[in-house]
Amino acid sequence: MSTLRLAVVIGSVRDGRFGPTVARWFAEIAEKDGRFTVDVIDLADHELPVGLPAVSPRMDPNPERPEGMRGLTAALERADAFVIVTPDYNRSYPAALKAAIDWHFTPWEHKAVGFVGYSGASGGLLAIEHLRQVFTELNAHTVRDYVSFPRYYLLFDENGSLREPEEPAAAARELLDQMHWWATALAAAR
């Protein structure tokens, strides 16, 4: 099988967000890994209305979407696997990420999903646990391991580089191993 297409999704659109820094760090590790073609998808670059179509996605899994969402839809459909980069917002994940997930039903199905979290004390784990439930409902497989950055603002320097990169890099490599195994198995099954 050729290299797998891994979409690294930046889940926060908040002003002053740290997600692009974390996503850039993870994408560089994934690209060096060599088993993936990496696409970084920044939700801030796409239209994400909160209002959803009237018909359930079970009845119409590919509704007419706003023009400003077409690039996102195409990028999600191309992916063999996803790594969601998310902070905790009020003990859960960002509304923009929920809107992106809910507007897209079939792109997640039968694909592997991994997580990189960042926030204050929890390191994104509260958001990750909620997202596991959502992706299970969409018939996606969430891998067990993850990367977490509690108190991320102490872990990265002013240039966006990790002060002590060894442990997070090891966690990222473990996540990529699991992502590769599951994405390969699921791609063959699809």
N, C-alpha and C. Protein backbone atom coordinates (compact mmCIF):
# COMPACT_ATOMS: atom_id res chain seq x y z
N MET A 1 0.83 -1.18 0.00
CA MET A 1 0.00 0.00 0.00
C MET A 1 0.88 1.25 0.00
N SER A 2 0.47 2.27 -0.71
CA SER A 2 1.21 3.53 -0.73
C SER A 2 1.05 4.21 0.63
N THR A 3 1.71 5.34 0.77
CA THR A 3 1.60 6.05 2.05
C THR A 3 0.15 6.43 2.31
N LEU A 4 -0.18 6.45 3.56
CA LEU A 4 -1.53 6.82 3.98
C LEU A 4 -1.64 8.33 4.08
N ARG A 5 -2.83 8.85 3.80
CA ARG A 5 -3.07 10.28 3.91
C ARG A 5 -3.62 10.57 5.30
N LEU A 6 -2.85 11.32 6.08
CA LEU A 6 -3.21 11.67 7.46
C LEU A 6 -3.60 13.14 7.51
N ALA A 7 -4.81 13.40 7.95
CA ALA A 7 -5.28 14.78 8.13
C ALA A 7 -5.10 15.17 9.60
N VAL A 8 -4.33 16.22 9.83
CA VAL A 8 -4.15 16.78 11.17
C VAL A 8 -5.10 17.98 11.25
N VAL A 9 -6.13 17.86 12.07
CA VAL A 9 -7.20 18.85 12.13
C VAL A 9 -7.02 19.75 13.34
N ILE A 10 -6.89 21.05 13.09
CA ILE A 10 -6.80 22.03 14.17
C ILE A 10 -8.22 22.37 14.59
N GLY A 11 -8.60 21.96 15.81
CA GLY A 11 -9.98 22.04 16.25
C GLY A 11 -10.43 23.35 16.83
N SER A 12 -9.53 24.26 17.13
CA SER A 12 -9.89 25.54 17.73
C SER A 12 -9.81 26.66 16.70
N VAL A 13 -10.78 27.56 16.76
CA VAL A 13 -10.76 28.74 15.89
C VAL A 13 -10.68 30.03 16.71
N ARG A 14 -10.48 29.91 17.99
CA ARG A 14 -10.43 31.04 18.92
C ARG A 14 -9.29 32.00 18.56
N ASP A 15 -9.52 33.30 18.73
CA ASP A 15 -8.44 34.28 18.55
C ASP A 15 -7.31 33.96 19.53
N GLY A 16 -6.08 34.06 19.08
CA GLY A 16 -4.93 33.81 19.93
C GLY A 16 -4.70 32.35 20.27
N ARG A 17 -5.33 31.46 19.56
CA ARG A 17 -5.23 30.02 19.85
C ARG A 17 -3.82 29.49 19.70
N PHE A 18 -3.55 28.37 20.35
CA PHE A 18 -2.24 27.74 20.32
C PHE A 18 -2.24 26.51 19.41
N GLY A 19 -3.39 26.12 18.93
CA GLY A 19 -3.53 24.92 18.11
C GLY A 19 -2.60 24.84 16.91
N PRO A 20 -2.41 25.92 16.14
CA PRO A 20 -1.51 25.82 15.00
C PRO A 20 -0.08 25.45 15.40
N THR A 21 0.39 25.91 16.55
CA THR A 21 1.73 25.57 17.01
C THR A 21 1.83 24.08 17.31
N VAL A 22 0.84 23.55 18.01
CA VAL A 22 0.83 22.12 18.35
C VAL A 22 0.68 21.29 17.07
N ALA A 23 -0.20 21.70 16.18
CA ALA A 23 -0.41 20.96 14.93
C ALA A 23 0.86 20.95 14.08
N ARG A 24 1.55 22.06 14.00
CA ARG A 24 2.79 22.14 13.23
C ARG A 24 3.83 21.17 13.81
N TRP A 25 3.96 21.16 15.13
CA TRP A 25 4.88 20.24 15.79
C TRP A 25 4.55 18.78 15.44
N PHE A 26 3.27 18.42 15.57
CA PHE A 26 2.88 17.04 15.30
C PHE A 26 3.04 16.70 13.82
N ALA A 27 2.64 17.60 12.94
CA ALA A 27 2.75 17.35 11.50
C ALA A 27 4.20 17.12 11.08
N GLU A 28 5.12 17.85 11.66
CA GLU A 28 6.54 17.65 11.34
C GLU A 28 7.00 16.25 11.73
N ILE A 29 6.58 15.78 12.88
CA ILE A 29 6.94 14.42 13.31
C ILE A 29 6.30 13.39 12.37
N ALA A 30 5.05 13.59 12.02
CA ALA A 30 4.34 12.66 11.13
C ALA A 30 4.98 12.64 9.74
N GLU A 31 5.40 13.78 9.23
CA GLU A 31 6.06 13.82 7.92
C GLU A 31 7.40 13.10 7.96
N LYS A 32 8.17 13.29 9.03
CA LYS A 32 9.46 12.61 9.16
C LYS A 32 9.29 11.11 9.31
N ASP A 33 8.17 10.69 9.83
CA ASP A 33 7.88 9.27 10.00
C ASP A 33 7.95 8.52 8.67
N GLY A 34 7.47 9.15 7.61
CA GLY A 34 7.58 8.58 6.28
C GLY A 34 6.45 7.67 5.84
N ARG A 35 5.55 7.30 6.73
CA ARG A 35 4.45 6.41 6.37
C ARG A 35 3.18 7.16 5.98
N PHE A 36 3.22 8.49 6.09
CA PHE A 36 2.01 9.29 5.88
C PHE A 36 2.29 10.47 4.95
N THR A 37 1.30 10.80 4.15
CA THR A 37 1.23 12.09 3.50
C THR A 37 0.37 12.94 4.43
N VAL A 38 0.89 14.05 4.89
CA VAL A 38 0.22 14.83 5.94
C VAL A 38 -0.42 16.08 5.35
N ASP A 39 -1.69 16.26 5.68
CA ASP A 39 -2.43 17.48 5.36
C ASP A 39 -2.85 18.12 6.67
N VAL A 40 -2.53 19.38 6.87
CA VAL A 40 -3.01 20.10 8.05
C VAL A 40 -4.26 20.85 7.64
N ILE A 41 -5.34 20.59 8.36
CA ILE A 41 -6.63 21.23 8.10
C ILE A 41 -6.92 22.17 9.26
N ASP A 42 -6.96 23.45 8.98
CA ASP A 42 -7.25 24.46 9.99
C ASP A 42 -8.72 24.86 9.85
N LEU A 43 -9.52 24.52 10.86
CA LEU A 43 -10.95 24.83 10.78
C LEU A 43 -11.22 26.32 10.67
N ALA A 44 -10.28 27.16 11.09
CA ALA A 44 -10.45 28.61 10.98
C ALA A 44 -10.49 29.07 9.52
N ASP A 45 -10.04 28.21 8.61
CA ASP A 45 -10.02 28.57 7.19
C ASP A 45 -11.32 28.22 6.46
N HIS A 46 -12.31 27.70 7.19
CA HIS A 46 -13.52 27.19 6.54
C HIS A 46 -14.77 27.74 7.21
N GLU A 47 -15.82 27.84 6.43
CA GLU A 47 -17.12 28.25 6.94
C GLU A 47 -17.71 27.07 7.73
N LEU A 48 -18.11 27.32 8.97
CA LEU A 48 -18.66 26.27 9.82
C LEU A 48 -19.94 26.74 10.52
N PRO A 49 -21.05 26.79 9.80
CA PRO A 49 -22.28 27.21 10.46
C PRO A 49 -22.71 26.21 11.52
N VAL A 50 -23.27 26.73 12.59
CA VAL A 50 -23.74 25.86 13.67
C VAL A 50 -25.07 25.20 13.29
N GLY A 51 -25.90 25.93 12.55
CA GLY A 51 -27.18 25.37 12.12
C GLY A 51 -26.96 24.24 11.12
N LEU A 52 -27.58 23.10 11.38
CA LEU A 52 -27.41 21.91 10.55
C LEU A 52 -28.63 21.70 9.67
N PRO A 53 -28.50 20.89 8.62
CA PRO A 53 -29.66 20.57 7.78
C PRO A 53 -30.78 19.91 8.59
N ALA A 54 -32.00 20.03 8.12
CA ALA A 54 -33.16 19.51 8.85
C ALA A 54 -33.19 17.98 8.88
N VAL A 55 -32.58 17.36 7.91
CA VAL A 55 -32.64 15.90 7.79
C VAL A 55 -31.44 15.27 8.49
N SER A 56 -31.69 14.21 9.21
CA SER A 56 -30.63 13.48 9.91
C SER A 56 -29.57 12.99 8.92
N PRO A 57 -28.29 12.98 9.34
CA PRO A 57 -27.25 12.47 8.45
C PRO A 57 -27.41 10.99 8.15
N ARG A 58 -28.14 10.26 8.94
CA ARG A 58 -28.41 8.85 8.61
C ARG A 58 -29.28 8.76 7.36
N MET A 59 -30.15 9.74 7.18
CA MET A 59 -31.04 9.73 6.01
C MET A 59 -30.39 10.42 4.82
N ASP A 60 -29.57 11.44 5.08
CA ASP A 60 -28.87 12.15 4.01
C ASP A 60 -27.46 12.46 4.50
N PRO A 61 -26.52 11.50 4.34
CA PRO A 61 -25.18 11.68 4.89
C PRO A 61 -24.32 12.73 4.17
N ASN A 62 -24.75 13.17 3.02
CA ASN A 62 -23.99 14.17 2.27
C ASN A 62 -24.90 15.31 1.84
N PRO A 63 -25.32 16.14 2.80
CA PRO A 63 -26.23 17.23 2.47
C PRO A 63 -25.52 18.31 1.65
N GLU A 64 -26.32 19.18 1.08
CA GLU A 64 -25.76 20.36 0.42
C GLU A 64 -25.07 21.19 1.51
N ARG A 65 -23.80 21.50 1.27
CA ARG A 65 -23.03 22.25 2.26
C ARG A 65 -22.74 23.65 1.73
N PRO A 66 -22.49 24.59 2.64
CA PRO A 66 -22.14 25.94 2.19
C PRO A 66 -20.89 25.92 1.31
N GLU A 67 -20.83 26.85 0.39
CA GLU A 67 -19.68 26.95 -0.52
C GLU A 67 -18.37 27.04 0.25
N GLY A 68 -18.35 27.77 1.36
CA GLY A 68 -17.14 27.95 2.14
C GLY A 68 -16.70 26.71 2.91
N MET A 69 -17.43 25.63 2.78
CA MET A 69 -17.10 24.38 3.45
C MET A 69 -16.60 23.32 2.46
N ARG A 70 -16.68 23.58 1.19
CA ARG A 70 -16.34 22.55 0.19
C ARG A 70 -14.89 22.08 0.27
N GLY A 71 -13.96 22.99 0.53
CA GLY A 71 -12.56 22.60 0.66
C GLY A 71 -12.35 21.69 1.86
N LEU A 72 -13.02 21.97 2.96
CA LEU A 72 -12.95 21.12 4.15
C LEU A 72 -13.51 19.74 3.84
N THR A 73 -14.66 19.70 3.20
CA THR A 73 -15.28 18.42 2.86
C THR A 73 -14.34 17.57 2.00
N ALA A 74 -13.75 18.18 0.98
CA ALA A 74 -12.84 17.44 0.11
C ALA A 74 -11.63 16.93 0.88
N ALA A 75 -11.07 17.75 1.75
CA ALA A 75 -9.89 17.34 2.53
C ALA A 75 -10.22 16.19 3.47
N LEU A 76 -11.39 16.24 4.11
CA LEU A 76 -11.79 15.16 5.00
C LEU A 76 -12.03 13.86 4.22
N GLU A 77 -12.64 13.98 3.06
CA GLU A 77 -12.91 12.79 2.24
C GLU A 77 -11.63 12.12 1.75
N ARG A 78 -10.59 12.90 1.47
CA ARG A 78 -9.31 12.36 0.99
C ARG A 78 -8.55 11.58 2.06
N ALA A 79 -8.80 11.90 3.31
CA ALA A 79 -8.00 11.35 4.40
C ALA A 79 -8.27 9.87 4.63
N ASP A 80 -7.19 9.14 4.96
CA ASP A 80 -7.31 7.75 5.41
C ASP A 80 -7.41 7.69 6.93
N ALA A 81 -6.96 8.73 7.60
CA ALA A 81 -6.93 8.78 9.06
C ALA A 81 -6.86 10.23 9.50
N PHE A 82 -7.19 10.45 10.78
CA PHE A 82 -7.23 11.81 11.31
C PHE A 82 -6.53 11.89 12.66
N VAL A 83 -5.84 12.98 12.89
CA VAL A 83 -5.39 13.33 14.24
C VAL A 83 -6.02 14.68 14.54
N ILE A 84 -6.81 14.70 15.59
CA ILE A 84 -7.50 15.91 16.00
C ILE A 84 -6.66 16.62 17.06
N VAL A 85 -6.31 17.87 16.81
CA VAL A 85 -5.55 18.69 17.75
C VAL A 85 -6.57 19.59 18.44
N THR A 86 -6.75 19.38 19.76
CA THR A 86 -7.82 20.09 20.45
C THR A 86 -7.44 20.55 21.84
N PRO A 87 -7.94 21.73 22.22
CA PRO A 87 -7.85 22.16 23.62
C PRO A 87 -9.10 21.69 24.36
N ASP A 88 -9.11 21.90 25.66
CA ASP A 88 -10.33 21.79 26.47
C ASP A 88 -10.98 23.16 26.47
N TYR A 89 -12.27 23.21 26.20
CA TYR A 89 -13.06 24.41 26.43
C TYR A 89 -14.16 24.00 27.40
N ASN A 90 -14.16 24.52 28.58
CA ASN A 90 -15.21 24.23 29.56
C ASN A 90 -15.41 22.73 29.74
N ARG A 91 -14.29 22.00 29.88
CA ARG A 91 -14.26 20.56 30.13
C ARG A 91 -14.74 19.74 28.94
N SER A 92 -14.68 20.30 27.74
CA SER A 92 -15.04 19.57 26.53
C SER A 92 -14.25 20.14 25.36
N TYR A 93 -14.72 19.92 24.15
CA TYR A 93 -14.00 20.36 22.96
C TYR A 93 -14.70 21.56 22.32
N PRO A 94 -14.03 22.27 21.42
CA PRO A 94 -14.58 23.49 20.83
C PRO A 94 -15.82 23.27 19.97
N ALA A 95 -16.69 24.26 19.98
CA ALA A 95 -17.92 24.21 19.19
C ALA A 95 -17.63 24.12 17.69
N ALA A 96 -16.59 24.79 17.22
CA ALA A 96 -16.26 24.73 15.79
C ALA A 96 -15.91 23.30 15.37
N LEU A 97 -15.23 22.58 16.23
CA LEU A 97 -14.89 21.19 15.94
C LEU A 97 -16.16 20.34 15.88
N LYS A 98 -17.08 20.56 16.79
CA LYS A 98 -18.35 19.83 16.77
C LYS A 98 -19.11 20.12 15.49
N ALA A 99 -19.13 21.39 15.07
CA ALA A 99 -19.83 21.74 13.82
C ALA A 99 -19.18 21.03 12.63
N ALA A 100 -17.85 21.00 12.58
CA ALA A 100 -17.16 20.33 11.47
C ALA A 100 -17.48 18.84 11.45
N ILE A 101 -17.52 18.24 12.63
CA ILE A 101 -17.84 16.81 12.71
C ILE A 101 -19.28 16.57 12.27
N ASP A 102 -20.21 17.35 12.79
CA ASP A 102 -21.62 17.13 12.51
C ASP A 102 -22.01 17.41 11.06
N TRP A 103 -21.32 18.31 10.40
CA TRP A 103 -21.61 18.58 8.98
C TRP A 103 -21.09 17.46 8.08
N HIS A 104 -20.24 16.61 8.61
CA HIS A 104 -19.62 15.54 7.81
C HIS A 104 -19.85 14.20 8.49
N PHE A 105 -20.62 13.38 7.87
CA PHE A 105 -20.97 12.09 8.46
C PHE A 105 -20.09 10.97 7.90
N THR A 106 -20.05 10.84 6.60
CA THR A 106 -19.35 9.71 5.99
C THR A 106 -17.82 9.83 5.95
N PRO A 107 -17.20 11.00 5.90
CA PRO A 107 -15.74 11.03 5.82
C PRO A 107 -15.03 10.37 7.00
N TRP A 108 -15.67 10.30 8.17
CA TRP A 108 -15.04 9.72 9.36
C TRP A 108 -15.21 8.21 9.41
N GLU A 109 -16.22 7.70 8.73
CA GLU A 109 -16.60 6.29 8.85
C GLU A 109 -15.49 5.35 8.43
N HIS A 110 -15.26 4.34 9.26
CA HIS A 110 -14.27 3.28 9.01
C HIS A 110 -12.85 3.83 8.88
N LYS A 111 -12.56 4.89 9.60
CA LYS A 111 -11.21 5.47 9.58
C LYS A 111 -10.69 5.61 11.01
N ALA A 112 -9.38 5.63 11.14
CA ALA A 112 -8.74 5.77 12.45
C ALA A 112 -8.68 7.24 12.83
N VAL A 113 -8.88 7.50 14.13
CA VAL A 113 -8.82 8.86 14.66
C VAL A 113 -7.94 8.85 15.90
N GLY A 114 -6.97 9.74 15.93
CA GLY A 114 -6.10 9.92 17.08
C GLY A 114 -6.22 11.34 17.59
N PHE A 115 -5.59 11.60 18.74
CA PHE A 115 -5.77 12.90 19.38
C PHE A 115 -4.46 13.45 19.93
N VAL A 116 -4.33 14.77 19.80
CA VAL A 116 -3.29 15.53 20.47
C VAL A 116 -4.02 16.64 21.21
N GLY A 117 -3.91 16.63 22.54
CA GLY A 117 -4.62 17.60 23.36
C GLY A 117 -3.67 18.57 24.03
N TYR A 118 -4.19 19.75 24.30
CA TYR A 118 -3.43 20.76 25.05
C TYR A 118 -4.42 21.62 25.83
N SER A 119 -4.04 22.02 27.00
CA SER A 119 -4.84 22.96 27.81
C SER A 119 -4.11 23.24 29.10
N GLY A 120 -4.83 23.78 30.06
CA GLY A 120 -4.23 24.05 31.37
C GLY A 120 -3.87 22.76 32.08
N ALA A 121 -4.64 22.40 33.08
CA ALA A 121 -4.30 21.25 33.92
C ALA A 121 -4.50 19.90 33.24
N SER A 122 -5.55 19.75 32.44
CA SER A 122 -5.88 18.42 31.91
C SER A 122 -5.14 18.05 30.64
N GLY A 123 -4.53 19.00 29.98
CA GLY A 123 -3.81 18.68 28.74
C GLY A 123 -4.71 18.24 27.60
N GLY A 124 -5.98 18.63 27.66
CA GLY A 124 -6.90 18.27 26.58
C GLY A 124 -7.62 16.95 26.79
N LEU A 125 -7.33 16.24 27.88
CA LEU A 125 -7.90 14.90 28.07
C LEU A 125 -9.41 14.91 28.21
N LEU A 126 -9.98 15.96 28.78
CA LEU A 126 -11.44 16.03 28.91
C LEU A 126 -12.08 16.14 27.53
N ALA A 127 -11.50 16.94 26.66
CA ALA A 127 -12.00 17.05 25.29
C ALA A 127 -11.85 15.72 24.56
N ILE A 128 -10.70 15.09 24.72
CA ILE A 128 -10.44 13.82 24.03
C ILE A 128 -11.46 12.76 24.43
N GLU A 129 -11.78 12.67 25.72
CA GLU A 129 -12.75 11.65 26.15
C GLU A 129 -14.13 11.91 25.56
N HIS A 130 -14.55 13.15 25.44
CA HIS A 130 -15.83 13.45 24.80
C HIS A 130 -15.78 13.12 23.32
N LEU A 131 -14.67 13.43 22.68
CA LEU A 131 -14.55 13.14 21.24
C LEU A 131 -14.56 11.65 20.95
N ARG A 132 -14.02 10.84 21.84
CA ARG A 132 -14.07 9.38 21.63
C ARG A 132 -15.52 8.91 21.48
N GLN A 133 -16.41 9.44 22.31
CA GLN A 133 -17.82 9.06 22.23
C GLN A 133 -18.44 9.47 20.90
N VAL A 134 -18.14 10.67 20.46
CA VAL A 134 -18.70 11.18 19.21
C VAL A 134 -18.21 10.35 18.03
N PHE A 135 -16.91 10.08 17.97
CA PHE A 135 -16.39 9.34 16.82
C PHE A 135 -16.83 7.88 16.82
N THR A 136 -17.09 7.31 17.99
CA THR A 136 -17.64 5.96 18.04
C THR A 136 -19.02 5.94 17.38
N GLU A 137 -19.82 6.95 17.63
CA GLU A 137 -21.13 7.05 17.01
C GLU A 137 -21.03 7.16 15.48
N LEU A 138 -19.93 7.74 15.00
CA LEU A 138 -19.74 7.90 13.55
C LEU A 138 -19.05 6.69 12.92
N ASN A 139 -18.90 5.63 13.69
CA ASN A 139 -18.31 4.38 13.21
C ASN A 139 -16.86 4.54 12.80
N ALA A 140 -16.16 5.41 13.52
CA ALA A 140 -14.72 5.58 13.35
C ALA A 140 -14.03 4.84 14.50
N HIS A 141 -12.76 4.54 14.32
CA HIS A 141 -12.01 3.86 15.38
C HIS A 141 -11.03 4.84 16.01
N THR A 142 -11.21 5.12 17.30
CA THR A 142 -10.27 5.99 18.00
C THR A 142 -9.17 5.12 18.61
N VAL A 143 -7.93 5.48 18.35
CA VAL A 143 -6.82 4.71 18.89
C VAL A 143 -6.62 5.06 20.36
N ARG A 144 -6.02 4.14 21.09
CA ARG A 144 -5.92 4.26 22.54
C ARG A 144 -4.99 5.38 22.97
N ASP A 145 -3.77 5.40 22.43
CA ASP A 145 -2.78 6.37 22.89
C ASP A 145 -3.05 7.75 22.30
N TYR A 146 -2.46 8.74 22.91
CA TYR A 146 -2.66 10.14 22.54
C TYR A 146 -1.42 10.90 22.97
N VAL A 147 -1.38 12.17 22.59
CA VAL A 147 -0.34 13.08 23.06
C VAL A 147 -1.05 14.18 23.82
N SER A 148 -0.51 14.54 24.99
CA SER A 148 -1.16 15.53 25.83
C SER A 148 -0.15 16.56 26.33
N PHE A 149 -0.56 17.82 26.29
CA PHE A 149 0.28 18.92 26.77
C PHE A 149 -0.44 19.68 27.87
N PRO A 150 -0.36 19.19 29.14
CA PRO A 150 -0.91 19.99 30.23
C PRO A 150 0.00 21.20 30.47
N ARG A 151 -0.62 22.32 30.75
CA ARG A 151 0.12 23.58 30.93
C ARG A 151 1.08 23.81 29.75
N TYR A 152 0.52 23.70 28.58
CA TYR A 152 1.30 23.83 27.34
C TYR A 152 2.12 25.11 27.31
N TYR A 153 1.62 26.16 27.93
CA TYR A 153 2.30 27.47 27.91
C TYR A 153 3.63 27.43 28.67
N LEU A 154 3.85 26.40 29.49
CA LEU A 154 5.14 26.22 30.15
C LEU A 154 6.05 25.27 29.36
N LEU A 155 5.46 24.45 28.51
CA LEU A 155 6.21 23.41 27.80
C LEU A 155 6.85 23.91 26.50
N PHE A 156 6.26 24.93 25.89
CA PHE A 156 6.76 25.49 24.63
C PHE A 156 7.41 26.84 24.93
N ASP A 157 8.46 27.15 24.19
CA ASP A 157 9.10 28.45 24.37
C ASP A 157 8.41 29.51 23.51
N GLU A 158 8.92 30.73 23.55
CA GLU A 158 8.29 31.85 22.84
C GLU A 158 8.32 31.69 21.32
N ASN A 159 9.16 30.77 20.80
CA ASN A 159 9.22 30.50 19.36
C ASN A 159 8.36 29.32 18.95
N GLY A 160 7.64 28.72 19.91
CA GLY A 160 6.78 27.59 19.60
C GLY A 160 7.51 26.25 19.58
N SER A 161 8.70 26.19 20.15
CA SER A 161 9.46 24.95 20.23
C SER A 161 9.33 24.36 21.63
N LEU A 162 9.28 23.04 21.68
CA LEU A 162 9.22 22.39 22.99
C LEU A 162 10.53 22.57 23.73
N ARG A 163 10.43 22.87 25.01
CA ARG A 163 11.62 23.03 25.83
C ARG A 163 12.30 21.68 26.06
N GLU A 164 11.51 20.64 26.25
CA GLU A 164 12.03 19.28 26.44
C GLU A 164 11.25 18.35 25.51
N PRO A 165 11.71 18.16 24.29
CA PRO A 165 10.91 17.48 23.27
C PRO A 165 10.91 15.95 23.31
N GLU A 166 11.79 15.33 24.07
CA GLU A 166 11.96 13.88 23.96
C GLU A 166 10.70 13.10 24.32
N GLU A 167 10.12 13.37 25.47
CA GLU A 167 8.94 12.60 25.91
C GLU A 167 7.73 12.82 25.00
N PRO A 168 7.39 14.07 24.65
CA PRO A 168 6.27 14.24 23.72
C PRO A 168 6.54 13.60 22.34
N ALA A 169 7.78 13.66 21.87
CA ALA A 169 8.09 13.05 20.58
C ALA A 169 7.91 11.54 20.64
N ALA A 170 8.28 10.92 21.76
CA ALA A 170 8.09 9.47 21.93
C ALA A 170 6.60 9.13 21.93
N ALA A 171 5.79 9.96 22.60
CA ALA A 171 4.35 9.74 22.62
C ALA A 171 3.76 9.90 21.22
N ALA A 172 4.26 10.88 20.46
CA ALA A 172 3.78 11.08 19.09
C ALA A 172 4.13 9.88 18.22
N ARG A 173 5.33 9.34 18.37
CA ARG A 173 5.72 8.16 17.57
C ARG A 173 4.85 6.95 17.91
N GLU A 174 4.52 6.78 19.18
CA GLU A 174 3.62 5.68 19.58
C GLU A 174 2.24 5.88 18.97
N LEU A 175 1.74 7.11 19.01
CA LEU A 175 0.46 7.41 18.39
C LEU A 175 0.51 7.11 16.90
N LEU A 176 1.57 7.51 16.22
CA LEU A 176 1.69 7.25 14.79
C LEU A 176 1.77 5.76 14.48
N ASP A 177 2.42 4.99 15.33
CA ASP A 177 2.45 3.53 15.14
C ASP A 177 1.03 2.97 15.18
N GLN A 178 0.26 3.38 16.18
CA GLN A 178 -1.12 2.90 16.27
C GLN A 178 -1.96 3.40 15.11
N MET A 179 -1.77 4.65 14.74
CA MET A 179 -2.53 5.20 13.61
C MET A 179 -2.22 4.43 12.34
N HIS A 180 -0.96 4.14 12.11
CA HIS A 180 -0.58 3.42 10.89
C HIS A 180 -1.21 2.03 10.87
N TRP A 181 -1.11 1.32 11.98
CA TRP A 181 -1.67 -0.04 12.02
C TRP A 181 -3.16 -0.02 11.73
N TRP A 182 -3.90 0.82 12.46
CA TRP A 182 -5.35 0.86 12.29
C TRP A 182 -5.76 1.44 10.94
N ALA A 183 -5.09 2.48 10.50
CA ALA A 183 -5.46 3.07 9.20
C ALA A 183 -5.21 2.09 8.06
N THR A 184 -4.13 1.33 8.15
CA THR A 184 -3.84 0.31 7.12
C THR A 184 -4.92 -0.77 7.14
N ALA A 185 -5.26 -1.27 8.32
CA ALA A 185 -6.29 -2.32 8.43
C ALA A 185 -7.63 -1.82 7.94
N LEU A 186 -8.01 -0.62 8.33
CA LEU A 186 -9.31 -0.09 7.93
C LEU A 186 -9.35 0.24 6.44
N ALA A 187 -8.26 0.74 5.88
CA ALA A 187 -8.24 1.01 4.44
C ALA A 187 -8.40 -0.29 3.65
N ALA A 188 -7.77 -1.35 4.10
CA ALA A 188 -7.91 -2.65 3.41
C ALA A 188 -9.35 -3.16 3.52
N ALA A 189 -9.97 -2.95 4.67
CA ALA A 189 -11.34 -3.42 4.88
C ALA A 189 -12.35 -2.60 4.09
N ARG A 190 -12.03 -1.30 3.88
CA ARG A 190 -12.98 -0.46 3.12
C ARG A 190 -13.02 -0.87 1.67
